[in-house]
Amino acid sequence: MNVDIDKFKGKYRSSTARLAGYDYSKNGCYYVTICTKDKIHFFGEVIDGKVVLSGIGKAAESFWNDIPVHFPFVRLDEYIIMPNHVHGIIVIDRDVGKCHGMSPNKFSSPVAGSLSTIINHFKGAVKRWTNKQDVGFYWQTRFYEHIVRSEDSLNKIRKYIRNNPSNWEQDDEVIENITS
């Protein structure tokens, strides 16, 4: 038996944290956390329970808010740019075009429109901007996601996001509690 079968290039395990068999391009509500590499504080700092964004943080916020421009079937819910990560709720709603008289076939690229594609687009936009600024910025590979399946869960996540700056000191411990 080949023990390296689950390893990327035989070096490290490359399994996914995504729900097996789930279609992440279908309508749904998704809570995501996207971290900077090594959790470096590129986006700003928390002062007296409030986030003060750096230039990169302001750019990241702008690119986050532009997601629906590139993906017309996406609505953004609660989000926050923290010093070393972004928390946000992304709602994929492919019926939104019908509300505006658009045919779902007239959406702009990319065709797949999955959650990973949306997040990769956002991460790429921030990275390209930082490259132009000659900043040594890097994202952590991958991202955390949680499929929001109830109104109660959605409200807990919204509250967590809103309170994230005031809970900055215990952030790593709190994330596990809101999605379980």
C-alpha atoms as a PDB file:
ATOM      1  CA  MET A   1       0.000   0.000   0.000  1.00  0.00           C
ATOM      2  CA  ASN A   2       1.290   3.457  -0.923  1.00  0.00           C
ATOM      3  CA  VAL A   3       1.193   5.629   2.216  1.00  0.00           C
ATOM      4  CA  ASP A   4       1.931   8.794   0.215  1.00  0.00           C
ATOM      5  CA  ILE A   5      -1.369   8.608  -1.655  1.00  0.00           C
ATOM      6  CA  ASP A   6      -2.954  11.345   0.532  1.00  0.00           C
ATOM      7  CA  LYS A   7       0.114  13.547   0.422  1.00  0.00           C
ATOM      8  CA  PHE A   8       0.763  16.396  -1.981  1.00  0.00           C
ATOM      9  CA  LYS A   9       3.896  15.561  -3.978  1.00  0.00           C
ATOM     10  CA  GLY A  10       4.571  12.909  -1.318  1.00  0.00           C
ATOM     11  CA  LYS A  11       5.518  15.606   1.205  1.00  0.00           C
ATOM     12  CA  TYR A  12       2.513  16.753   3.171  1.00  0.00           C
ATOM     13  CA  ARG A  13      -1.140  15.971   3.497  1.00  0.00           C
ATOM     14  CA  SER A  14      -3.371  18.042   1.266  1.00  0.00           C
ATOM     15  CA  SER A  15      -6.850  17.108   2.409  1.00  0.00           C
ATOM     16  CA  THR A  16      -9.620  19.651   2.262  1.00  0.00           C
ATOM     17  CA  ALA A  17     -11.649  21.044   5.130  1.00  0.00           C
ATOM     18  CA  ARG A  18     -14.657  21.423   2.815  1.00  0.00           C
ATOM     19  CA  LEU A  19     -17.746  19.285   3.282  1.00  0.00           C
ATOM     20  CA  ALA A  20     -17.354  16.278   1.000  1.00  0.00           C
ATOM     21  CA  GLY A  21     -19.824  16.244  -1.853  1.00  0.00           C
ATOM     22  CA  TYR A  22     -21.253  19.700  -1.077  1.00  0.00           C
ATOM     23  CA  ASP A  23     -21.726  22.094  -4.016  1.00  0.00           C
ATOM     24  CA  TYR A  24     -20.257  25.401  -2.837  1.00  0.00           C
ATOM     25  CA  SER A  25     -21.595  27.198  -5.905  1.00  0.00           C
ATOM     26  CA  LYS A  26     -25.233  26.648  -4.942  1.00  0.00           C
ATOM     27  CA  ASN A  27     -27.405  29.171  -3.160  1.00  0.00           C
ATOM     28  CA  GLY A  28     -26.497  29.435   0.484  1.00  0.00           C
ATOM     29  CA  CYS A  29     -25.107  31.476   3.300  1.00  0.00           C
ATOM     30  CA  TYR A  30     -21.429  30.977   4.104  1.00  0.00           C
ATOM     31  CA  TYR A  31     -19.353  32.312   6.982  1.00  0.00           C
ATOM     32  CA  VAL A  32     -15.685  32.673   6.041  1.00  0.00           C
ATOM     33  CA  THR A  33     -12.465  33.584   7.812  1.00  0.00           C
ATOM     34  CA  ILE A  34      -9.445  34.476   5.704  1.00  0.00           C
ATOM     35  CA  CYS A  35      -6.106  34.933   7.491  1.00  0.00           C
ATOM     36  CA  THR A  36      -2.840  36.594   6.618  1.00  0.00           C
ATOM     37  CA  LYS A  37       0.234  34.390   6.447  1.00  0.00           C
ATOM     38  CA  ASP A  38       1.647  33.763   9.926  1.00  0.00           C
ATOM     39  CA  LYS A  39      -1.197  35.969  11.247  1.00  0.00           C
ATOM     40  CA  ILE A  40       0.898  39.107  10.648  1.00  0.00           C
ATOM     41  CA  HIS A  41      -1.044  42.301  11.417  1.00  0.00           C
ATOM     42  CA  PHE A  42      -1.113  43.813   7.924  1.00  0.00           C
ATOM     43  CA  PHE A  43      -4.623  45.259   8.099  1.00  0.00           C
ATOM     44  CA  GLY A  44      -4.298  47.549  11.123  1.00  0.00           C
ATOM     45  CA  GLU A  45      -4.656  47.321  14.864  1.00  0.00           C
ATOM     46  CA  VAL A  46      -7.295  47.176  17.566  1.00  0.00           C
ATOM     47  CA  ILE A  47      -7.292  50.222  19.842  1.00  0.00           C
ATOM     48  CA  ASP A  48      -9.790  50.497  22.692  1.00  0.00           C
ATOM     49  CA  GLY A  49     -11.957  47.769  21.176  1.00  0.00           C
ATOM     50  CA  LYS A  50     -12.111  49.374  17.717  1.00  0.00           C
ATOM     51  CA  VAL A  51     -10.261  48.407  14.538  1.00  0.00           C
ATOM     52  CA  VAL A  52      -8.071  51.117  13.026  1.00  0.00           C
ATOM     53  CA  LEU A  53      -7.343  50.021   9.472  1.00  0.00           C
ATOM     54  CA  SER A  54      -3.988  50.493   7.775  1.00  0.00           C
ATOM     55  CA  GLY A  55      -3.734  51.313   4.068  1.00  0.00           C
ATOM     56  CA  ILE A  56      -3.761  47.599   3.250  1.00  0.00           C
ATOM     57  CA  GLY A  57      -6.753  47.128   5.563  1.00  0.00           C
ATOM     58  CA  LYS A  58      -8.663  49.902   3.788  1.00  0.00           C
ATOM     59  CA  ALA A  59      -7.811  48.345   0.408  1.00  0.00           C
ATOM     60  CA  ALA A  60      -8.943  44.915   1.645  1.00  0.00           C
ATOM     61  CA  GLU A  61     -12.231  46.435   2.819  1.00  0.00           C
ATOM     62  CA  SER A  62     -12.732  48.102  -0.551  1.00  0.00           C
ATOM     63  CA  PHE A  63     -12.046  44.848  -2.431  1.00  0.00           C
ATOM     64  CA  TRP A  64     -14.395  42.982  -0.076  1.00  0.00           C
ATOM     65  CA  ASN A  65     -17.191  45.452  -0.798  1.00  0.00           C
ATOM     66  CA  ASP A  66     -16.521  45.052  -4.545  1.00  0.00           C
ATOM     67  CA  ILE A  67     -17.217  41.294  -4.505  1.00  0.00           C
ATOM     68  CA  PRO A  68     -20.849  41.747  -5.707  1.00  0.00           C
ATOM     69  CA  VAL A  69     -19.597  43.871  -8.615  1.00  0.00           C
ATOM     70  CA  HIS A  70     -17.679  40.856  -9.921  1.00  0.00           C
ATOM     71  CA  PHE A  71     -20.198  38.268  -8.740  1.00  0.00           C
ATOM     72  CA  PRO A  72     -23.710  39.752  -9.200  1.00  0.00           C
ATOM     73  CA  PHE A  73     -25.291  36.713  -7.541  1.00  0.00           C
ATOM     74  CA  VAL A  74     -23.493  37.472  -4.248  1.00  0.00           C
ATOM     75  CA  ARG A  75     -24.782  39.543  -1.352  1.00  0.00           C
ATOM     76  CA  LEU A  76     -22.497  40.508   1.483  1.00  0.00           C
ATOM     77  CA  ASP A  77     -23.819  40.349   5.009  1.00  0.00           C
ATOM     78  CA  GLU A  78     -21.941  41.235   8.195  1.00  0.00           C
ATOM     79  CA  TYR A  79     -18.135  41.423   7.901  1.00  0.00           C
ATOM     80  CA  ILE A  80     -15.099  42.872   9.616  1.00  0.00           C
ATOM     81  CA  ILE A  81     -11.505  43.443   8.625  1.00  0.00           C
ATOM     82  CA  MET A  82      -9.348  42.606  11.655  1.00  0.00           C
ATOM     83  CA  PRO A  83      -5.566  43.201  11.937  1.00  0.00           C
ATOM     84  CA  ASN A  84      -4.669  39.744  10.632  1.00  0.00           C
ATOM     85  CA  HIS A  85      -7.866  38.282   9.207  1.00  0.00           C
ATOM     86  CA  VAL A  86     -11.214  38.949   7.592  1.00  0.00           C
ATOM     87  CA  HIS A  87     -14.510  37.543   8.870  1.00  0.00           C
ATOM     88  CA  GLY A  88     -17.499  37.765   6.583  1.00  0.00           C
ATOM     89  CA  ILE A  89     -20.806  36.280   5.608  1.00  0.00           C
ATOM     90  CA  ILE A  90     -21.264  35.687   1.889  1.00  0.00           C
ATOM     91  CA  VAL A  91     -24.701  34.888   0.519  1.00  0.00           C
ATOM     92  CA  ILE A  92     -24.816  33.192  -2.867  1.00  0.00           C
ATOM     93  CA  ASP A  93     -28.233  33.791  -4.396  1.00  0.00           C
ATOM     94  CA  ARG A  94     -28.404  32.952  -8.080  1.00  0.00           C
ATOM     95  CA  ASP A  95     -32.058  34.037  -8.173  1.00  0.00           C
ATOM     96  CA  VAL A  96     -31.024  37.650  -7.525  1.00  0.00           C
ATOM     97  CA  GLY A  97     -30.683  38.279 -11.283  1.00  0.00           C
ATOM     98  CA  LYS A  98     -34.329  37.410 -11.779  1.00  0.00           C
ATOM     99  CA  CYS A  99     -35.281  40.217  -9.394  1.00  0.00           C
ATOM    100  CA  HIS A 100     -33.495  42.714 -11.629  1.00  0.00           C
ATOM    101  CA  GLY A 101     -34.768  41.374 -14.947  1.00  0.00           C
ATOM    102  CA  MET A 102     -31.487  39.654 -15.787  1.00  0.00           C
ATOM    103  CA  SER A 103     -31.181  36.172 -17.149  1.00  0.00           C
ATOM    104  CA  PRO A 104     -28.957  33.969 -14.958  1.00  0.00           C
ATOM    105  CA  ASN A 105     -26.967  33.214 -18.134  1.00  0.00           C
ATOM    106  CA  LYS A 106     -25.881  36.856 -18.435  1.00  0.00           C
ATOM    107  CA  PHE A 107     -23.765  36.878 -15.274  1.00  0.00           C
ATOM    108  CA  SER A 108     -20.174  37.883 -15.788  1.00  0.00           C
ATOM    109  CA  SER A 109     -17.329  35.421 -15.454  1.00  0.00           C
ATOM    110  CA  PRO A 110     -16.201  33.262 -13.811  1.00  0.00           C
ATOM    111  CA  VAL A 111     -18.833  30.740 -14.742  1.00  0.00           C
ATOM    112  CA  ALA A 112     -18.203  28.429 -11.780  1.00  0.00           C
ATOM    113  CA  GLY A 113     -18.949  31.100  -9.159  1.00  0.00           C
ATOM    114  CA  SER A 114     -18.167  28.834  -6.249  1.00  0.00           C
ATOM    115  CA  LEU A 115     -17.284  30.096  -2.792  1.00  0.00           C
ATOM    116  CA  SER A 116     -13.623  29.197  -3.420  1.00  0.00           C
ATOM    117  CA  THR A 117     -13.634  31.171  -6.676  1.00  0.00           C
ATOM    118  CA  ILE A 118     -15.132  34.197  -4.909  1.00  0.00           C
ATOM    119  CA  ILE A 119     -12.586  34.058  -2.066  1.00  0.00           C
ATOM    120  CA  ASN A 120      -9.671  33.472  -4.460  1.00  0.00           C
ATOM    121  CA  HIS A 121     -10.777  36.502  -6.481  1.00  0.00           C
ATOM    122  CA  PHE A 122     -10.829  38.640  -3.315  1.00  0.00           C
ATOM    123  CA  LYS A 123      -7.458  37.338  -2.110  1.00  0.00           C
ATOM    124  CA  GLY A 124      -5.950  37.887  -5.554  1.00  0.00           C
ATOM    125  CA  ALA A 125      -7.214  41.476  -5.754  1.00  0.00           C
ATOM    126  CA  VAL A 126      -5.676  42.322  -2.372  1.00  0.00           C
ATOM    127  CA  LYS A 127      -2.409  40.584  -3.285  1.00  0.00           C
ATOM    128  CA  ARG A 128      -2.153  42.409  -6.640  1.00  0.00           C
ATOM    129  CA  TRP A 129      -2.774  45.741  -4.877  1.00  0.00           C
ATOM    130  CA  THR A 130      -0.073  45.036  -2.276  1.00  0.00           C
ATOM    131  CA  ASN A 131       2.349  43.981  -5.023  1.00  0.00           C
ATOM    132  CA  LYS A 132       1.872  47.390  -6.677  1.00  0.00           C
ATOM    133  CA  GLN A 133       2.576  49.015  -3.307  1.00  0.00           C
ATOM    134  CA  ASP A 134       5.734  46.903  -2.979  1.00  0.00           C
ATOM    135  CA  VAL A 135       4.532  45.416   0.310  1.00  0.00           C
ATOM    136  CA  GLY A 136       5.666  41.911   1.302  1.00  0.00           C
ATOM    137  CA  PHE A 137       2.100  40.770   1.932  1.00  0.00           C
ATOM    138  CA  TYR A 138       0.938  37.148   1.827  1.00  0.00           C
ATOM    139  CA  TRP A 139      -2.260  35.316   2.614  1.00  0.00           C
ATOM    140  CA  GLN A 140      -2.419  32.073   4.521  1.00  0.00           C
ATOM    141  CA  THR A 141      -3.271  29.320   2.083  1.00  0.00           C
ATOM    142  CA  ARG A 142      -6.887  28.224   2.087  1.00  0.00           C
ATOM    143  CA  PHE A 143      -9.604  29.747   4.251  1.00  0.00           C
ATOM    144  CA  TYR A 144     -12.056  28.634   6.917  1.00  0.00           C
ATOM    145  CA  GLU A 145     -15.704  28.266   5.937  1.00  0.00           C
ATOM    146  CA  HIS A 146     -18.894  27.304   7.694  1.00  0.00           C
ATOM    147  CA  ILE A 147     -22.177  26.636   5.927  1.00  0.00           C
ATOM    148  CA  VAL A 148     -24.814  28.630   7.808  1.00  0.00           C
ATOM    149  CA  ARG A 149     -27.885  26.433   8.125  1.00  0.00           C
ATOM    150  CA  SER A 150     -30.190  28.274  10.486  1.00  0.00           C
ATOM    151  CA  GLU A 151     -31.306  31.766  11.429  1.00  0.00           C
ATOM    152  CA  ASP A 152     -30.052  31.157  14.981  1.00  0.00           C
ATOM    153  CA  SER A 153     -26.595  30.259  13.707  1.00  0.00           C
ATOM    154  CA  LEU A 154     -26.590  33.285  11.373  1.00  0.00           C
ATOM    155  CA  ASN A 155     -27.459  35.620  14.244  1.00  0.00           C
ATOM    156  CA  LYS A 156     -24.714  34.151  16.471  1.00  0.00           C
ATOM    157  CA  ILE A 157     -22.162  34.620  13.710  1.00  0.00           C
ATOM    158  CA  ARG A 158     -23.300  38.208  13.051  1.00  0.00           C
ATOM    159  CA  LYS A 159     -22.968  38.981  16.759  1.00  0.00           C
ATOM    160  CA  TYR A 160     -19.512  37.385  16.835  1.00  0.00           C
ATOM    161  CA  ILE A 161     -18.367  39.462  13.866  1.00  0.00           C
ATOM    162  CA  ARG A 162     -19.724  42.712  15.359  1.00  0.00           C
ATOM    163  CA  ASN A 163     -18.078  41.968  18.715  1.00  0.00           C
ATOM    164  CA  ASN A 164     -14.795  40.709  17.262  1.00  0.00           C
ATOM    165  CA  PRO A 165     -12.796  43.895  17.965  1.00  0.00           C
ATOM    166  CA  SER A 166     -13.861  44.010  21.616  1.00  0.00           C
ATOM    167  CA  ASN A 167     -13.037  40.301  21.939  1.00  0.00           C
ATOM    168  CA  TRP A 168      -9.702  40.649  20.137  1.00  0.00           C
ATOM    169  CA  GLU A 169      -7.649  39.210  22.997  1.00  0.00           C
ATOM    170  CA  GLN A 170      -9.495  35.861  23.046  1.00  0.00           C
ATOM    171  CA  ASP A 171     -10.284  35.697  19.294  1.00  0.00           C
ATOM    172  CA  ASP A 172      -8.729  32.260  18.665  1.00  0.00           C
ATOM    173  CA  GLU A 173     -10.790  30.633  21.399  1.00  0.00           C
ATOM    174  CA  VAL A 174     -14.119  32.264  20.480  1.00  0.00           C
ATOM    175  CA  ILE A 175     -14.252  31.150  16.822  1.00  0.00           C
ATOM    176  CA  GLU A 176     -14.629  27.504  17.735  1.00  0.00           C
ATOM    177  CA  ASN A 177     -17.652  28.188  19.929  1.00  0.00           C
ATOM    178  CA  ILE A 178     -19.863  30.103  17.500  1.00  0.00           C
ATOM    179  CA  THR A 179     -20.022  27.517  14.721  1.00  0.00           C
ATOM    180  CA  SER A 180     -20.482  24.379  16.811  1.00  0.00           C
END
